[in-house]
Structures are given as C-alpha cells and as structure tokens.
C-alpha cells in the first residue's frame, strides 16, 4: 500500500501536498509504464460510491485519490487522518500543465460542444502544452472509439470532463488498455478554464466554502442533498455503507 494512503469511509484517500501530487503525476505522464488514474474526491463521490459498484472500484484502483472537497477534509481530520492540505482538482491540473509544458500531450474529453476546444486553446497558450486531441462530451463516438483516438494521438494526459460517475468509470476502464498516460476526472474544470462557468471567489476557497457558493450562486441543490447525506454517514457510524 502507498505510504500516503488512508481509509476514510471505506474508500482510500492520499495524504499529499499539492506540489508532491503535481510532481508524481508529471513523472507518471512522462515515463514509460502502465496508465494511472486520478480521482479528486468530494462528498458527492463518497455518497454515490455507496451504491455504485463501478464507481467504488474506480476509486479503489486510482493511483491517486486527492482530497478536493472540504467535507472530505473535515471528515478526515475528525478521524485523525493527517492531511497536510486540500488538493483542488482545477489547481492540480493547472500546475501539472505548467510544470510539464511541451512534455505533455493533452487530450481534452468532455463538456459541452466548444468548451473543450476553448479550454485546449487557452491551456496551450498559457502552459505550452501540446494538444493531442479534443472530443466534447456530446460526441456520438463510442468509448472504444474514444480510447482508440487517445491511443492514436499518443496522449500522455487525459482530462475527462463527463461528471461523476461517468468520468471516473470511463477513466478506470480506459486505464486498463493504455500505457504511459495519466487520466484525471476534472468535472467542470474545463468550463471554468474556458470562461464558460465562474469559479468561486478566492475568499470562499480560502475558507473552504466553495460548495456553499456553488449551491447558492449556481443553484446546484442536488449537491447540497448529497453533502447532507455524507455528513449523516460520518456522524452516524464513520463509514459509508459498503456496496454489496
């Protein structure tokens, strides 16, 4: 087991700093070896994984499970898990591209038509990455065709923006067929990078209240329900009910 790995609610999390995670992912992406997946975990994933076998398996198989959501961070602290800091998903992929530059061949997969293209253009300009390929989340292509596309363009970093659990389960399935590649589920990060969705003001990030801003500002009420479910699980018995 990875020395940084801990069990929380029956799922693994990795106690790593942002810089450490960045360097580890860059090494995986730029050296030969089996493909790796990254899950940036939040309370929604914990709740969904309690009933979704494939999602739960995807989290367990991930090379890194970084703590993004403040609810997960608080729960870990409550259980005595020594987390040095949160590792926010959008900041992780930005620092990874900044560190890798032209050594990264990035495949942008997901989001609405036009969003991935815009995000790819901005990332290429800002970080000097190579854009290996682009495919929006509304494409009629089968997962097998997407996988073939990733293989053909020799991408070593795949940013999958399909939302949970689709992005995590796709990445886990694709991982088993790829080499020399890191796949990260990025949620709405491409929308933010492309300027199609706002990011929470810095003060909310500093206080760990991005979720509250999203619920109120963006009206993501379903997320508030899952957050309350997660809190209930933690307070009741410390574990999310395992998948049968």
C-alpha atoms as a PDB file:
ATOM      1  CA  UNK A   1       0.000   0.000   0.000  1.00  0.00           C
ATOM      2  CA  UNK A   2       1.157   3.512  -0.746  1.00  0.00           C
ATOM      3  CA  UNK A   3       2.514   5.021   2.492  1.00  0.00           C
ATOM      4  CA  UNK A   4       0.331   8.089   1.994  1.00  0.00           C
ATOM      5  CA  UNK A   5      -2.869   6.050   1.609  1.00  0.00           C
ATOM      6  CA  UNK A   6      -5.539   6.061   4.318  1.00  0.00           C
ATOM      7  CA  UNK A   7      -9.010   4.559   4.601  1.00  0.00           C
ATOM      8  CA  UNK A   8     -11.878   7.007   5.010  1.00  0.00           C
ATOM      9  CA  UNK A   9     -15.485   5.858   4.919  1.00  0.00           C
ATOM     10  CA  UNK A  10     -14.304   2.644   3.246  1.00  0.00           C
ATOM     11  CA  UNK A  11     -12.553   4.476   0.406  1.00  0.00           C
ATOM     12  CA  UNK A  12      -8.858   5.300   0.002  1.00  0.00           C
ATOM     13  CA  UNK A  13      -7.533   8.852   0.169  1.00  0.00           C
ATOM     14  CA  UNK A  14      -3.945  10.028  -0.207  1.00  0.00           C
ATOM     15  CA  UNK A  15      -2.430  12.477   2.250  1.00  0.00           C
ATOM     16  CA  UNK A  16      -0.282  14.505  -0.139  1.00  0.00           C
ATOM     17  CA  UNK A  17       0.609  18.128  -0.697  1.00  0.00           C
ATOM     18  CA  UNK A  18      -0.249  19.911  -3.921  1.00  0.00           C
ATOM     19  CA  UNK A  19       3.359  20.110  -5.109  1.00  0.00           C
ATOM     20  CA  UNK A  20       4.000  16.451  -4.321  1.00  0.00           C
ATOM     21  CA  UNK A  21       0.901  15.383  -6.247  1.00  0.00           C
ATOM     22  CA  UNK A  22       1.921  17.550  -9.208  1.00  0.00           C
ATOM     23  CA  UNK A  23       5.389  16.042  -9.435  1.00  0.00           C
ATOM     24  CA  UNK A  24       4.112  12.482  -9.043  1.00  0.00           C
ATOM     25  CA  UNK A  25       1.570  12.914 -11.836  1.00  0.00           C
ATOM     26  CA  UNK A  26       4.145  14.554 -14.091  1.00  0.00           C
ATOM     27  CA  UNK A  27       6.511  11.627 -13.559  1.00  0.00           C
ATOM     28  CA  UNK A  28       3.758   9.131 -14.384  1.00  0.00           C
ATOM     29  CA  UNK A  29       2.791  11.022 -17.526  1.00  0.00           C
ATOM     30  CA  UNK A  30       6.307  11.406 -18.908  1.00  0.00           C
ATOM     31  CA  UNK A  31       7.839   7.999 -18.147  1.00  0.00           C
ATOM     32  CA  UNK A  32       7.021   4.572 -19.539  1.00  0.00           C
ATOM     33  CA  UNK A  33       4.658   2.416 -17.552  1.00  0.00           C
ATOM     34  CA  UNK A  34       1.039   1.409 -17.042  1.00  0.00           C
ATOM     35  CA  UNK A  35      -1.580   4.139 -17.239  1.00  0.00           C
ATOM     36  CA  UNK A  36      -2.708   5.717 -13.964  1.00  0.00           C
ATOM     37  CA  UNK A  37      -5.955   7.383 -12.935  1.00  0.00           C
ATOM     38  CA  UNK A  38      -6.544  10.257 -10.517  1.00  0.00           C
ATOM     39  CA  UNK A  39      -9.749  10.909  -8.566  1.00  0.00           C
ATOM     40  CA  UNK A  40     -10.227  14.317  -6.944  1.00  0.00           C
ATOM     41  CA  UNK A  41     -12.647  13.234  -4.274  1.00  0.00           C
ATOM     42  CA  UNK A  42     -15.526  15.114  -2.678  1.00  0.00           C
ATOM     43  CA  UNK A  43     -18.604  14.185  -0.598  1.00  0.00           C
ATOM     44  CA  UNK A  44     -20.684  13.507  -3.726  1.00  0.00           C
ATOM     45  CA  UNK A  45     -18.322  10.769  -4.823  1.00  0.00           C
ATOM     46  CA  UNK A  46     -18.452   9.153  -1.383  1.00  0.00           C
ATOM     47  CA  UNK A  47     -22.245   9.132  -1.383  1.00  0.00           C
ATOM     48  CA  UNK A  48     -22.547   7.843  -4.955  1.00  0.00           C
ATOM     49  CA  UNK A  49     -19.902   5.174  -4.351  1.00  0.00           C
ATOM     50  CA  UNK A  50     -22.044   3.722  -1.565  1.00  0.00           C
ATOM     51  CA  UNK A  51     -24.459   2.375  -4.204  1.00  0.00           C
ATOM     52  CA  UNK A  52     -22.397   2.410  -7.412  1.00  0.00           C
ATOM     53  CA  UNK A  53     -20.128  -0.633  -7.643  1.00  0.00           C
ATOM     54  CA  UNK A  54     -18.212   0.598 -10.716  1.00  0.00           C
ATOM     55  CA  UNK A  55     -17.512   3.990  -9.163  1.00  0.00           C
ATOM     56  CA  UNK A  56     -16.334   2.418  -5.942  1.00  0.00           C
ATOM     57  CA  UNK A  57     -13.981   0.164  -7.878  1.00  0.00           C
ATOM     58  CA  UNK A  58     -12.671   3.130  -9.869  1.00  0.00           C
ATOM     59  CA  UNK A  59     -11.764   4.957  -6.664  1.00  0.00           C
ATOM     60  CA  UNK A  60     -10.012   1.904  -5.223  1.00  0.00           C
ATOM     61  CA  UNK A  61      -7.985   1.419  -8.414  1.00  0.00           C
ATOM     62  CA  UNK A  62      -6.896   5.068  -8.725  1.00  0.00           C
ATOM     63  CA  UNK A  63      -3.203   5.827  -8.484  1.00  0.00           C
ATOM     64  CA  UNK A  64      -4.012   8.972  -6.527  1.00  0.00           C
ATOM     65  CA  UNK A  65      -7.167   9.993  -4.694  1.00  0.00           C
ATOM     66  CA  UNK A  66      -6.660  13.613  -3.742  1.00  0.00           C
ATOM     67  CA  UNK A  67      -8.926  15.360  -1.252  1.00  0.00           C
ATOM     68  CA  UNK A  68     -10.705  18.191  -3.050  1.00  0.00           C
ATOM     69  CA  UNK A  69     -13.971  18.696  -1.140  1.00  0.00           C
ATOM     70  CA  UNK A  70     -13.863  20.484   2.218  1.00  0.00           C
ATOM     71  CA  UNK A  71     -16.366  17.980   3.622  1.00  0.00           C
ATOM     72  CA  UNK A  72     -13.919  15.142   2.995  1.00  0.00           C
ATOM     73  CA  UNK A  73     -11.101  17.174   4.511  1.00  0.00           C
ATOM     74  CA  UNK A  74     -13.115  17.785   7.686  1.00  0.00           C
ATOM     75  CA  UNK A  75     -14.156  14.127   7.908  1.00  0.00           C
ATOM     76  CA  UNK A  76     -10.521  13.019   7.584  1.00  0.00           C
ATOM     77  CA  UNK A  77      -9.445  15.393  10.329  1.00  0.00           C
ATOM     78  CA  UNK A  78     -12.265  14.073  12.516  1.00  0.00           C
ATOM     79  CA  UNK A  79     -10.915  10.542  12.033  1.00  0.00           C
ATOM     80  CA  UNK A  80      -7.342  11.594  12.836  1.00  0.00           C
ATOM     81  CA  UNK A  81      -6.024  11.236   9.282  1.00  0.00           C
ATOM     82  CA  UNK A  82      -3.046  13.600   8.875  1.00  0.00           C
ATOM     83  CA  UNK A  83      -3.911  15.516   5.724  1.00  0.00           C
ATOM     84  CA  UNK A  84      -1.336  18.253   5.045  1.00  0.00           C
ATOM     85  CA  UNK A  85      -3.719  20.231   2.831  1.00  0.00           C
ATOM     86  CA  UNK A  86      -6.527  20.002   0.286  1.00  0.00           C
ATOM     87  CA  UNK A  87      -5.524  19.417  -3.331  1.00  0.00           C
ATOM     88  CA  UNK A  88      -8.127  21.140  -5.512  1.00  0.00           C
ATOM     89  CA  UNK A  89      -8.706  19.446  -8.855  1.00  0.00           C
ATOM     90  CA  UNK A  90      -8.611  22.519 -11.074  1.00  0.00           C
ATOM     91  CA  UNK A  91      -5.438  23.807  -9.420  1.00  0.00           C
ATOM     92  CA  UNK A  92      -3.826  20.389  -9.726  1.00  0.00           C
ATOM     93  CA  UNK A  93      -4.339  20.139 -13.496  1.00  0.00           C
ATOM     94  CA  UNK A  94      -3.213  23.735 -13.986  1.00  0.00           C
ATOM     95  CA  UNK A  95       0.005  23.212 -12.034  1.00  0.00           C
ATOM     96  CA  UNK A  96       0.585  19.904 -13.808  1.00  0.00           C
ATOM     97  CA  UNK A  97       0.326  21.540 -17.236  1.00  0.00           C
ATOM     98  CA  UNK A  98       2.506  24.440 -16.098  1.00  0.00           C
ATOM     99  CA  UNK A  99       5.187  22.023 -14.865  1.00  0.00           C
ATOM    100  CA  UNK A 100       5.004  19.711 -17.882  1.00  0.00           C
ATOM    101  CA  UNK A 101       4.664  22.243 -20.680  1.00  0.00           C
ATOM    102  CA  UNK A 102       5.560  20.813 -24.080  1.00  0.00           C
ATOM    103  CA  UNK A 103       6.287  17.413 -22.499  1.00  0.00           C
ATOM    104  CA  UNK A 104       2.563  16.887 -22.072  1.00  0.00           C
ATOM    105  CA  UNK A 105       0.341  15.745 -24.913  1.00  0.00           C
ATOM    106  CA  UNK A 106      -3.093  16.531 -23.528  1.00  0.00           C
ATOM    107  CA  UNK A 107      -6.387  15.042 -24.656  1.00  0.00           C
ATOM    108  CA  UNK A 108      -9.440  17.140 -23.736  1.00  0.00           C
ATOM    109  CA  UNK A 109     -12.549  14.979 -23.425  1.00  0.00           C
ATOM    110  CA  UNK A 110     -15.989  16.099 -22.310  1.00  0.00           C
ATOM    111  CA  UNK A 111     -18.038  19.220 -21.551  1.00  0.00           C
ATOM    112  CA  UNK A 112     -20.443  20.890 -23.980  1.00  0.00           C
ATOM    113  CA  UNK A 113     -19.548  21.470 -27.657  1.00  0.00           C
ATOM    114  CA  UNK A 114     -16.987  24.248 -27.973  1.00  0.00           C
ATOM    115  CA  UNK A 115     -15.898  24.193 -24.330  1.00  0.00           C
ATOM    116  CA  UNK A 116     -13.092  21.654 -24.662  1.00  0.00           C
ATOM    117  CA  UNK A 117     -11.790  23.450 -27.771  1.00  0.00           C
ATOM    118  CA  UNK A 118     -11.650  26.771 -25.940  1.00  0.00           C
ATOM    119  CA  UNK A 119     -10.056  25.239 -22.848  1.00  0.00           C
ATOM    120  CA  UNK A 120      -7.452  23.491 -25.017  1.00  0.00           C
ATOM    121  CA  UNK A 121      -6.599  26.736 -26.796  1.00  0.00           C
ATOM    122  CA  UNK A 122      -6.174  28.618 -23.518  1.00  0.00           C
ATOM    123  CA  UNK A 123      -4.063  25.858 -21.934  1.00  0.00           C
ATOM    124  CA  UNK A 124      -1.818  25.669 -24.989  1.00  0.00           C
ATOM    125  CA  UNK A 125      -1.251  29.419 -24.861  1.00  0.00           C
ATOM    126  CA  UNK A 126      -0.722  29.604 -21.107  1.00  0.00           C
ATOM    127  CA  UNK A 127       1.286  26.452 -20.439  1.00  0.00           C
ATOM    128  CA  UNK A 128       2.847  25.489 -23.767  1.00  0.00           C
ATOM    129  CA  UNK A 129       1.292  22.024 -23.780  1.00  0.00           C
ATOM    130  CA  UNK A 130       0.696  20.018 -26.933  1.00  0.00           C
ATOM    131  CA  UNK A 131      -2.988  19.480 -27.691  1.00  0.00           C
ATOM    132  CA  UNK A 132      -3.166  15.800 -28.595  1.00  0.00           C
ATOM    133  CA  UNK A 133      -6.908  15.679 -29.233  1.00  0.00           C
ATOM    134  CA  UNK A 134     -10.309  17.145 -28.429  1.00  0.00           C
ATOM    135  CA  UNK A 135     -13.703  15.468 -28.105  1.00  0.00           C
ATOM    136  CA  UNK A 136     -16.756  17.011 -26.472  1.00  0.00           C
ATOM    137  CA  UNK A 137     -18.999  15.129 -24.067  1.00  0.00           C
ATOM    138  CA  UNK A 138     -21.897  15.044 -26.523  1.00  0.00           C
ATOM    139  CA  UNK A 139     -19.975  13.106 -29.144  1.00  0.00           C
ATOM    140  CA  UNK A 140     -21.721  10.073 -30.604  1.00  0.00           C
ATOM    141  CA  UNK A 141     -18.425   8.191 -30.605  1.00  0.00           C
ATOM    142  CA  UNK A 142     -18.370   5.007 -28.536  1.00  0.00           C
ATOM    143  CA  UNK A 143     -15.962   4.624 -25.599  1.00  0.00           C
ATOM    144  CA  UNK A 144     -13.978   2.250 -27.800  1.00  0.00           C
ATOM    145  CA  UNK A 145     -13.578   4.952 -30.445  1.00  0.00           C
ATOM    146  CA  UNK A 146     -12.513   7.493 -27.831  1.00  0.00           C
ATOM    147  CA  UNK A 147      -9.958   5.030 -26.489  1.00  0.00           C
ATOM    148  CA  UNK A 148      -8.616   4.413 -29.991  1.00  0.00           C
ATOM    149  CA  UNK A 149      -8.377   8.148 -30.543  1.00  0.00           C
ATOM    150  CA  UNK A 150      -6.378   8.593 -27.325  1.00  0.00           C
ATOM    151  CA  UNK A 151      -4.047   5.782 -28.339  1.00  0.00           C
ATOM    152  CA  UNK A 152      -3.592   7.068 -31.898  1.00  0.00           C
ATOM    153  CA  UNK A 153      -2.664  10.594 -30.820  1.00  0.00           C
ATOM    154  CA  UNK A 154      -0.298   9.276 -28.115  1.00  0.00           C
ATOM    155  CA  UNK A 155      -1.751  11.433 -25.373  1.00  0.00           C
ATOM    156  CA  UNK A 156       0.020  11.166 -22.024  1.00  0.00           C
ATOM    157  CA  UNK A 157      -2.544  13.242 -20.114  1.00  0.00           C
ATOM    158  CA  UNK A 158      -6.314  12.864 -20.481  1.00  0.00           C
ATOM    159  CA  UNK A 159      -8.637  15.419 -18.877  1.00  0.00           C
ATOM    160  CA  UNK A 160     -12.070  13.798 -18.692  1.00  0.00           C
ATOM    161  CA  UNK A 161     -14.961  16.174 -18.023  1.00  0.00           C
ATOM    162  CA  UNK A 162     -18.049  13.956 -18.022  1.00  0.00           C
ATOM    163  CA  UNK A 163     -19.148  14.481 -14.433  1.00  0.00           C
ATOM    164  CA  UNK A 164     -19.284  11.842 -11.723  1.00  0.00           C
ATOM    165  CA  UNK A 165     -19.565   8.873 -12.031  1.00  0.00           C
ATOM    166  CA  UNK A 166     -19.110   8.712 -15.823  1.00  0.00           C
ATOM    167  CA  UNK A 167     -15.665  10.298 -15.880  1.00  0.00           C
ATOM    168  CA  UNK A 168     -14.288   8.057 -13.131  1.00  0.00           C
ATOM    169  CA  UNK A 169     -15.674   4.843 -14.607  1.00  0.00           C
ATOM    170  CA  UNK A 170     -14.538   5.761 -18.124  1.00  0.00           C
ATOM    171  CA  UNK A 171     -11.043   6.546 -16.875  1.00  0.00           C
ATOM    172  CA  UNK A 172     -10.811   3.271 -14.956  1.00  0.00           C
ATOM    173  CA  UNK A 173     -11.940   1.290 -17.998  1.00  0.00           C
ATOM    174  CA  UNK A 174      -9.548   3.145 -20.322  1.00  0.00           C
ATOM    175  CA  UNK A 175      -6.658   2.767 -17.864  1.00  0.00           C
ATOM    176  CA  UNK A 176      -6.694  -0.962 -18.374  1.00  0.00           C
ATOM    177  CA  UNK A 177      -5.993  -0.507 -22.095  1.00  0.00           C
ATOM    178  CA  UNK A 178      -3.448   2.326 -22.041  1.00  0.00           C
ATOM    179  CA  UNK A 179       0.242   2.838 -21.337  1.00  0.00           C
ATOM    180  CA  UNK A 180       2.290   5.933 -20.492  1.00  0.00           C
ATOM    181  CA  UNK A 181      -0.755   8.023 -19.636  1.00  0.00           C
ATOM    182  CA  UNK A 182      -2.484   9.743 -16.716  1.00  0.00           C
ATOM    183  CA  UNK A 183      -6.272  10.143 -16.751  1.00  0.00           C
ATOM    184  CA  UNK A 184      -7.943  12.669 -14.458  1.00  0.00           C
ATOM    185  CA  UNK A 185     -11.651  13.284 -13.892  1.00  0.00           C
ATOM    186  CA  UNK A 186     -11.948  17.074 -13.965  1.00  0.00           C
ATOM    187  CA  UNK A 187     -15.690  17.730 -13.610  1.00  0.00           C
ATOM    188  CA  UNK A 188     -16.493  21.324 -14.527  1.00  0.00           C
ATOM    189  CA  UNK A 189     -12.868  22.471 -14.691  1.00  0.00           C
ATOM    190  CA  UNK A 190     -12.870  22.784 -18.483  1.00  0.00           C
ATOM    191  CA  UNK A 191     -15.895  25.076 -18.265  1.00  0.00           C
ATOM    192  CA  UNK A 192     -14.058  27.269 -15.763  1.00  0.00           C
ATOM    193  CA  UNK A 193     -10.832  27.339 -17.782  1.00  0.00           C
ATOM    194  CA  UNK A 194     -12.760  28.173 -20.950  1.00  0.00           C
ATOM    195  CA  UNK A 195     -14.578  31.007 -19.193  1.00  0.00           C
ATOM    196  CA  UNK A 196     -17.988  29.340 -19.602  1.00  0.00           C
ATOM    197  CA  UNK A 197     -18.537  28.986 -15.853  1.00  0.00           C
ATOM    198  CA  UNK A 198     -17.425  31.180 -12.956  1.00  0.00           C
ATOM    199  CA  UNK A 199     -15.140  29.966 -10.202  1.00  0.00           C
ATOM    200  CA  UNK A 200     -15.890  30.711  -6.578  1.00  0.00           C
ATOM    201  CA  UNK A 201     -14.250  33.935  -5.345  1.00  0.00           C
ATOM    202  CA  UNK A 202     -10.889  33.447  -3.602  1.00  0.00           C
ATOM    203  CA  UNK A 203     -12.310  34.167  -0.161  1.00  0.00           C
ATOM    204  CA  UNK A 204     -14.640  31.168  -0.481  1.00  0.00           C
ATOM    205  CA  UNK A 205     -11.728  28.912  -1.487  1.00  0.00           C
ATOM    206  CA  UNK A 206      -9.623  30.170   1.407  1.00  0.00           C
ATOM    207  CA  UNK A 207     -12.418  29.389   3.868  1.00  0.00           C
ATOM    208  CA  UNK A 208     -13.243  26.078   2.203  1.00  0.00           C
ATOM    209  CA  UNK A 209     -16.745  27.242   1.304  1.00  0.00           C
ATOM    210  CA  UNK A 210     -16.737  26.795  -2.475  1.00  0.00           C
ATOM    211  CA  UNK A 211     -19.550  24.259  -2.122  1.00  0.00           C
ATOM    212  CA  UNK A 212     -21.767  26.846  -0.430  1.00  0.00           C
ATOM    213  CA  UNK A 213     -21.103  29.389  -3.183  1.00  0.00           C
ATOM    214  CA  UNK A 214     -21.921  26.812  -5.888  1.00  0.00           C
ATOM    215  CA  UNK A 215     -25.150  25.774  -4.181  1.00  0.00           C
ATOM    216  CA  UNK A 216     -26.410  29.337  -3.796  1.00  0.00           C
ATOM    217  CA  UNK A 217     -24.915  31.027  -6.859  1.00  0.00           C
ATOM    218  CA  UNK A 218     -25.207  28.176  -9.361  1.00  0.00           C
ATOM    219  CA  UNK A 219     -28.291  26.577  -7.780  1.00  0.00           C
ATOM    220  CA  UNK A 220     -26.792  23.107  -7.502  1.00  0.00           C
ATOM    221  CA  UNK A 221     -29.309  21.934  -4.934  1.00  0.00           C
ATOM    222  CA  UNK A 222     -28.694  18.235  -5.588  1.00  0.00           C
ATOM    223  CA  UNK A 223     -25.163  18.692  -4.299  1.00  0.00           C
ATOM    224  CA  UNK A 224     -26.450  20.075  -1.006  1.00  0.00           C
ATOM    225  CA  UNK A 225     -28.541  16.930  -0.516  1.00  0.00           C
ATOM    226  CA  UNK A 226     -25.519  14.680  -1.083  1.00  0.00           C
ATOM    227  CA  UNK A 227     -23.401  16.775   1.246  1.00  0.00           C
ATOM    228  CA  UNK A 228     -26.005  16.330   3.983  1.00  0.00           C
ATOM    229  CA  UNK A 229     -26.071  12.579   3.280  1.00  0.00           C
ATOM    230  CA  UNK A 230     -22.290  12.474   3.645  1.00  0.00           C
ATOM    231  CA  UNK A 231     -22.422  14.334   6.957  1.00  0.00           C
ATOM    232  CA  UNK A 232     -25.049  11.891   8.147  1.00  0.00           C
ATOM    233  CA  UNK A 233     -22.888   8.909   7.243  1.00  0.00           C
ATOM    234  CA  UNK A 234     -19.892  10.339   9.066  1.00  0.00           C
ATOM    235  CA  UNK A 235     -21.776  11.254  12.231  1.00  0.00           C
ATOM    236  CA  UNK A 236     -23.760   8.019  12.381  1.00  0.00           C
ATOM    237  CA  UNK A 237     -21.071   5.377  12.120  1.00  0.00           C
ATOM    238  CA  UNK A 238     -17.993   6.789  10.428  1.00  0.00           C
ATOM    239  CA  UNK A 239     -18.439   4.763   7.264  1.00  0.00           C
ATOM    240  CA  UNK A 240     -20.433   4.869   4.096  1.00  0.00           C
ATOM    241  CA  UNK A 241     -22.420   1.642   3.807  1.00  0.00           C
ATOM    242  CA  UNK A 242     -20.359  -0.735   1.647  1.00  0.00           C
ATOM    243  CA  UNK A 243     -21.550  -1.783  -1.761  1.00  0.00           C
ATOM    244  CA  UNK A 244     -22.828  -5.394  -1.663  1.00  0.00           C
END
